[in-house]
Each structure stands twice: as structure tokens, then as C-alpha cells.
Amino acid sequence: MSDARATATPGFWRRLTTGGSGRFTPWKFNWLANHKIVVALMGVRHHARGELLDVGCGSKPFARIFAGHVSRYRGTDLAASRYLGDARPDAFARAEAQPFRDHSFDTVLGLSMLTYLPEPGRMIAEAHRVLRPGGVLILEFTQMVPLHDEPHDYFRFTRFGAEHLLRLAGFEPLEVVPVGGLWARVGLSAIAALNRINRGPTRVLTEIPVRLLYIVLQLGFELLDWLFFDPREVLANVVVARKRG
């Protein structure tokens, strides 16, 4: 596998949320996914402090969530990342080889990247290296999303597998926050199908009906996800862990 693929390429969440606002905009096809990850991050942001490193940062769409909780927000990504837009990261780097000295950060953030790494433990070990003693890792572990960016989509993780990997690397898990459930997964599939319809020369006819359906579907599946949520069937888990020692 080339270096370009064994990296922190933003995936499911970055793909759906880059450019998203997190505001109440259910007429946008990405609102349900954006809403879910934003709520999860807001629930764990009190753990963040000091200097934060966002590995696979894209255009840093989540930086605003941590404003006021960290003193500095830095990010790394690939030079070829299509999620950068007009933004530039603070450095170009692989997830497993960050260009910083040992003990440089108080917080490391990683979203939707481990599934793309053939050796995910190496990214966790690198986060451990750049964190100061007692530093915090906020890491998303994908559990139930469609295959994407094939053939470089390698893993899915349960919360117990996530905690195991973190302990192996010298972390102590502090909190696990689920991101969406089975009904959110069904809703996202329906919305993705609508988005495929709303393209090409017929879009002038489909745009308004599809946007109205986005609202109905996203609010409906958000309600179903709340009513029938099962923590065993989640899109992902955001795990907060502290570096031991």
C-alpha cells in the first residue's frame, strides 16, 4: 500500500460534514450526519484542553466546537486530500507519522480515519507519542457505515474493540459516546439515494421536491433514532481516553 493511502484520509463523517454548519438545516442532505457528530463532540469537548492536534483535519469543520476549550487548534492532513478545500493544514503528514516532537500536545482529535488504516494501532501509538503525560485522545471508531473509498476501507470497531486498542497503546478510556443508531443509518441511506436522483439536467425539476423530502426524512429518522435507540447498533463511537503516565 502506498503512503498516500495509509494515511488519515477523512472518511464518512468528514465527507458528510465538511462545510456543514451543525445548525438546524434539515433541508441539506448532510444535516442528519452533521447533527449526530456535532452533538457527540459537544458532549465530550469539556475533556479537551491546551494545544489540540486534529489528525486528518480537512478544512477543520469542527474547530468551532472546541473554541474556548483549547488554547490552540492545529491540524494535519494529506497534500492530496480532497477535503481541504481552500484551506491549508498546519502540516502535511500521515496519521502514523506526525511531524511533531514527543509530548507536544494536550489533546489529539481523530475522526473517521482508523477504518482506512491497515494498521490502526500505529495511529493510536503516534497519538500517544505526541501527547503530554495525562493528555487526552478523542477518537472516533466507526462501527456501522457503508463501504466507501474501496478498496482502502479495512475495519469496523465495537466499543469494546476500541477500548482494547486504546489500553494496548497506553491509554485509559474515560468516556464512550455513541454517534447515531440503526434508524439514523437507514435514514442516511435513504437520503443518499435521493441525492443521487437530484443530479444532472433534471435537477431543475427535482430540486424542490427532494429538499422537501430531505426535511421529512431527516426529521422523521431523527425521531425514530431517539425513540428506538439501541447502543449495540450505532454508526460510530467517540471514545475519550487519557494517556497513562
Protein backbone atom coordinates (compact mmCIF):
# COMPACT_ATOMS: atom_id res chain seq x y z
CA MET A 1 0.00 0.00 0.00
CA SER A 2 1.33 3.47 -0.85
CA ASP A 3 1.91 6.22 1.69
CA ALA A 4 -0.90 8.20 0.09
CA ARG A 5 -3.47 5.61 1.14
CA ALA A 6 -2.09 4.63 4.57
CA THR A 7 -2.98 8.00 5.94
CA ALA A 8 -5.56 9.94 7.87
CA THR A 9 -7.82 10.49 4.91
CA PRO A 10 -11.11 11.91 6.21
CA GLY A 11 -13.92 9.49 5.53
CA PHE A 12 -17.59 9.05 6.37
CA TRP A 13 -18.02 11.98 8.78
CA ARG A 14 -15.61 14.35 7.05
CA ARG A 15 -17.25 13.54 3.73
CA LEU A 16 -20.71 14.29 5.02
CA THR A 17 -19.92 17.20 7.31
CA THR A 18 -17.22 19.21 5.57
CA GLY A 19 -18.73 22.62 5.10
CA GLY A 20 -21.69 21.76 7.30
CA SER A 21 -22.69 24.20 9.97
CA GLY A 22 -24.30 21.99 12.58
CA ARG A 23 -27.22 24.42 12.63
CA PHE A 24 -30.80 23.33 12.12
CA THR A 25 -30.72 22.82 8.35
CA PRO A 26 -32.61 19.55 7.64
CA TRP A 27 -33.20 20.56 4.01
CA LYS A 28 -29.50 19.84 3.38
CA PHE A 29 -28.72 16.22 2.56
CA ASN A 30 -25.91 16.03 5.12
CA TRP A 31 -27.76 17.50 8.12
CA LEU A 32 -28.55 14.22 9.93
CA ALA A 33 -24.92 13.05 9.89
CA ASN A 34 -23.62 16.52 10.76
CA HIS A 35 -26.08 16.84 13.63
CA LYS A 36 -25.09 13.46 15.10
CA ILE A 37 -21.34 14.03 15.15
CA VAL A 38 -21.67 17.62 16.36
CA VAL A 39 -23.84 16.52 19.30
CA ALA A 40 -21.30 13.81 20.19
CA LEU A 41 -18.36 16.21 20.04
CA MET A 42 -20.17 18.83 22.09
CA GLY A 43 -20.73 16.12 24.70
CA VAL A 44 -17.01 15.39 25.04
CA ARG A 45 -15.41 18.77 24.36
CA HIS A 46 -15.06 19.51 28.08
CA HIS A 47 -12.23 16.94 28.09
CA ALA A 48 -10.21 18.98 25.56
CA ARG A 49 -7.64 21.46 26.79
CA GLY A 50 -4.41 23.21 25.89
CA GLU A 51 -2.98 22.64 22.43
CA LEU A 52 -5.11 20.37 20.23
CA LEU A 53 -3.98 18.41 17.19
CA ASP A 54 -6.67 17.36 14.69
CA VAL A 55 -5.27 14.44 12.67
CA GLY A 56 -6.87 14.31 9.22
CA CYS A 57 -8.33 17.76 9.77
CA GLY A 58 -9.66 18.54 6.29
CA SER A 59 -10.89 22.13 6.34
CA LYS A 60 -11.19 21.99 10.17
CA PRO A 61 -15.01 21.99 10.22
CA PHE A 62 -15.06 21.04 13.91
CA ALA A 63 -12.66 23.71 15.19
CA ARG A 64 -15.54 25.97 16.26
CA ILE A 65 -16.83 23.25 18.61
CA PHE A 66 -13.62 23.40 20.65
CA ALA A 67 -13.33 27.20 20.69
CA GLY A 68 -12.92 28.36 24.28
CA HIS A 69 -11.85 24.88 25.42
CA VAL A 70 -8.40 24.75 23.83
CA SER A 71 -5.69 27.37 23.57
CA ARG A 72 -4.62 26.40 20.05
CA TYR A 73 -6.17 24.22 17.32
CA ARG A 74 -3.71 22.69 14.85
CA GLY A 75 -4.34 20.18 12.10
CA THR A 76 -2.55 17.82 9.73
CA ASP A 77 -3.73 16.15 6.55
CA LEU A 78 -2.55 14.96 3.16
CA ALA A 79 -1.49 17.35 0.44
CA ALA A 80 -3.78 15.43 -1.92
CA SER A 81 -6.80 15.44 0.41
CA ARG A 82 -9.97 16.48 -1.40
CA TYR A 83 -11.44 17.65 1.91
CA LEU A 84 -9.11 20.61 2.33
CA GLY A 85 -10.99 22.95 0.01
CA ASP A 86 -9.23 26.30 0.02
CA ALA A 87 -7.80 25.68 3.49
CA ARG A 88 -4.30 24.51 4.33
CA PRO A 89 -3.45 22.34 7.33
CA ASP A 90 -0.65 23.34 9.66
CA ALA A 91 1.37 20.44 8.24
CA PHE A 92 1.03 17.68 5.68
CA ALA A 93 1.53 14.30 7.30
CA ARG A 94 0.44 10.69 7.60
CA ALA A 95 -1.65 9.72 10.60
CA GLU A 96 1.06 7.28 11.68
CA ALA A 97 3.95 9.76 11.31
CA GLN A 98 3.20 13.19 12.70
CA PRO A 99 5.90 15.88 12.26
CA PHE A 100 5.96 16.92 15.92
CA ARG A 101 8.20 16.19 18.86
CA ASP A 102 7.22 13.89 21.69
CA HIS A 103 4.84 15.42 24.26
CA SER A 104 3.83 18.37 22.05
CA PHE A 105 0.05 18.41 22.61
CA ASP A 106 -2.52 18.24 25.38
CA THR A 107 -5.32 16.89 23.16
CA VAL A 108 -5.42 14.82 19.98
CA LEU A 109 -8.60 14.58 17.88
CA GLY A 110 -9.14 11.92 15.23
CA LEU A 111 -12.37 11.45 13.26
CA SER A 112 -13.22 8.81 10.64
CA MET A 113 -9.72 7.66 9.83
CA LEU A 114 -8.97 4.34 11.53
CA THR A 115 -11.16 2.43 9.10
CA TYR A 116 -8.74 3.41 6.30
CA LEU A 117 -5.56 2.31 8.04
CA PRO A 118 -4.34 -1.27 7.58
CA GLU A 119 -2.61 -0.93 10.97
CA PRO A 120 -4.84 1.34 13.08
CA GLY A 121 -2.78 0.71 16.19
CA ARG A 122 0.06 2.71 14.65
CA MET A 123 -2.07 5.86 14.57
CA ILE A 124 -3.08 5.35 18.21
CA ALA A 125 0.57 4.82 19.17
CA GLU A 126 1.54 8.03 17.34
CA ALA A 127 -1.16 9.95 19.21
CA HIS A 128 0.28 8.56 22.44
CA ARG A 129 3.76 9.76 21.44
CA VAL A 130 2.79 13.37 20.70
CA LEU A 131 0.57 13.72 23.78
CA ARG A 132 1.90 15.05 27.04
CA PRO A 133 1.53 12.84 30.13
CA GLY A 134 -2.13 12.94 31.14
CA GLY A 135 -3.10 14.22 27.69
CA VAL A 136 -6.44 13.34 26.14
CA LEU A 137 -7.25 11.47 22.93
CA ILE A 138 -10.70 11.98 21.37
CA LEU A 139 -11.04 9.30 18.72
CA GLU A 140 -13.97 8.16 16.58
CA PHE A 141 -14.32 4.42 15.95
CA THR A 142 -16.62 3.61 13.02
CA GLN A 143 -18.98 0.69 13.62
CA MET A 144 -21.83 0.70 11.07
CA VAL A 145 -21.50 2.70 7.85
CA PRO A 146 -21.44 1.68 4.17
CA LEU A 147 -18.25 0.68 2.42
CA HIS A 148 -16.60 3.76 0.95
CA ASP A 149 -13.32 4.63 -0.75
CA GLU A 150 -12.92 0.96 -1.67
CA PRO A 151 -10.67 -1.00 -1.63
CA HIS A 152 -8.99 1.01 1.13
CA ASP A 153 -11.71 0.52 3.73
CA TYR A 154 -10.42 -2.04 6.20
CA PHE A 155 -12.13 -2.11 9.59
CA ARG A 156 -15.21 -1.57 11.75
CA PHE A 157 -14.94 -1.36 15.55
CA THR A 158 -17.16 -2.15 18.50
CA ARG A 159 -16.76 -0.02 21.63
CA PHE A 160 -15.06 -2.98 23.30
CA GLY A 161 -12.56 -3.36 20.49
CA ALA A 162 -11.90 0.38 20.68
CA GLU A 163 -11.22 0.25 24.41
CA HIS A 164 -8.95 -2.77 23.93
CA LEU A 165 -6.84 -1.00 21.29
CA LEU A 166 -6.56 2.10 23.45
CA ARG A 167 -5.42 0.16 26.51
CA LEU A 168 -2.83 -1.70 24.44
CA ALA A 169 -1.38 1.66 23.40
CA GLY A 170 -1.14 3.01 26.95
CA PHE A 171 -4.45 4.88 27.25
CA GLU A 172 -7.17 4.66 29.87
CA PRO A 173 -10.66 5.05 28.36
CA LEU A 174 -12.72 7.68 30.16
CA GLU A 175 -15.95 8.02 28.19
CA VAL A 176 -17.72 6.42 25.23
CA VAL A 177 -20.33 8.47 23.34
CA PRO A 178 -22.41 6.73 20.65
CA VAL A 179 -22.99 8.53 17.35
CA GLY A 180 -26.39 7.75 15.89
CA GLY A 181 -28.15 4.41 15.74
CA LEU A 182 -29.77 1.98 13.34
CA TRP A 183 -32.56 4.37 12.32
CA ALA A 184 -30.03 7.08 11.55
CA ARG A 185 -28.19 4.58 9.38
CA VAL A 186 -31.40 3.78 7.44
CA GLY A 187 -32.17 7.48 7.10
CA LEU A 188 -28.73 8.27 5.72
CA SER A 189 -29.11 5.55 3.10
CA ALA A 190 -32.47 6.96 2.00
CA ILE A 191 -31.04 10.49 1.83
CA ALA A 192 -28.04 9.31 -0.18
CA ALA A 193 -30.41 7.68 -2.70
CA LEU A 194 -32.34 10.93 -3.04
CA ASN A 195 -29.13 12.85 -3.54
CA ARG A 196 -28.25 10.59 -6.48
CA ILE A 197 -31.60 11.38 -8.05
CA ASN A 198 -31.16 15.13 -7.61
CA ARG A 199 -28.41 15.50 -10.21
CA GLY A 200 -27.93 16.22 -13.88
CA PRO A 201 -30.19 18.14 -16.25
CA THR A 202 -33.39 17.07 -14.44
CA ARG A 203 -32.29 18.79 -11.24
CA VAL A 204 -34.31 21.86 -12.17
CA LEU A 205 -37.39 19.69 -11.66
CA THR A 206 -36.24 17.58 -8.71
CA GLU A 207 -34.51 20.17 -6.50
CA ILE A 208 -37.52 21.48 -4.56
CA PRO A 209 -39.29 18.08 -4.10
CA VAL A 210 -36.03 16.44 -2.98
CA ARG A 211 -35.28 19.23 -0.49
CA LEU A 212 -38.76 18.83 0.99
CA LEU A 213 -38.21 15.09 1.26
CA TYR A 214 -34.87 15.73 2.99
CA ILE A 215 -36.73 17.62 5.71
CA VAL A 216 -39.38 14.93 6.18
CA LEU A 217 -36.90 12.04 6.14
CA GLN A 218 -34.22 13.60 8.31
CA LEU A 219 -36.60 14.81 10.99
CA GLY A 220 -38.53 11.54 10.85
CA PHE A 221 -35.47 9.33 11.18
CA GLU A 222 -34.05 11.60 13.87
CA LEU A 223 -37.23 10.99 15.89
CA LEU A 224 -37.14 7.23 15.25
CA ASP A 225 -33.47 7.13 16.25
CA TRP A 226 -34.32 8.87 19.52
CA LEU A 227 -37.32 6.66 20.27
CA PHE A 228 -35.77 3.30 19.39
CA PHE A 229 -32.08 3.85 20.02
CA ASP A 230 -30.04 0.72 20.75
CA PRO A 231 -26.42 1.28 21.88
CA ARG A 232 -25.43 -2.04 20.29
CA GLU A 233 -26.27 -0.71 16.82
CA VAL A 234 -24.53 2.61 16.29
CA LEU A 235 -22.90 4.41 13.41
CA ALA A 236 -19.80 5.00 15.49
CA ASN A 237 -18.48 5.64 18.98
CA VAL A 238 -16.46 8.66 20.02
CA VAL A 239 -14.09 7.47 22.74
CA VAL A 240 -12.23 9.75 25.12
CA ALA A 241 -9.06 8.30 26.65
CA ARG A 242 -6.28 9.66 28.84
CA LYS A 243 -2.61 8.90 28.32
CA ARG A 244 -1.28 6.96 31.28
CA GLY A 245 1.92 8.04 32.95
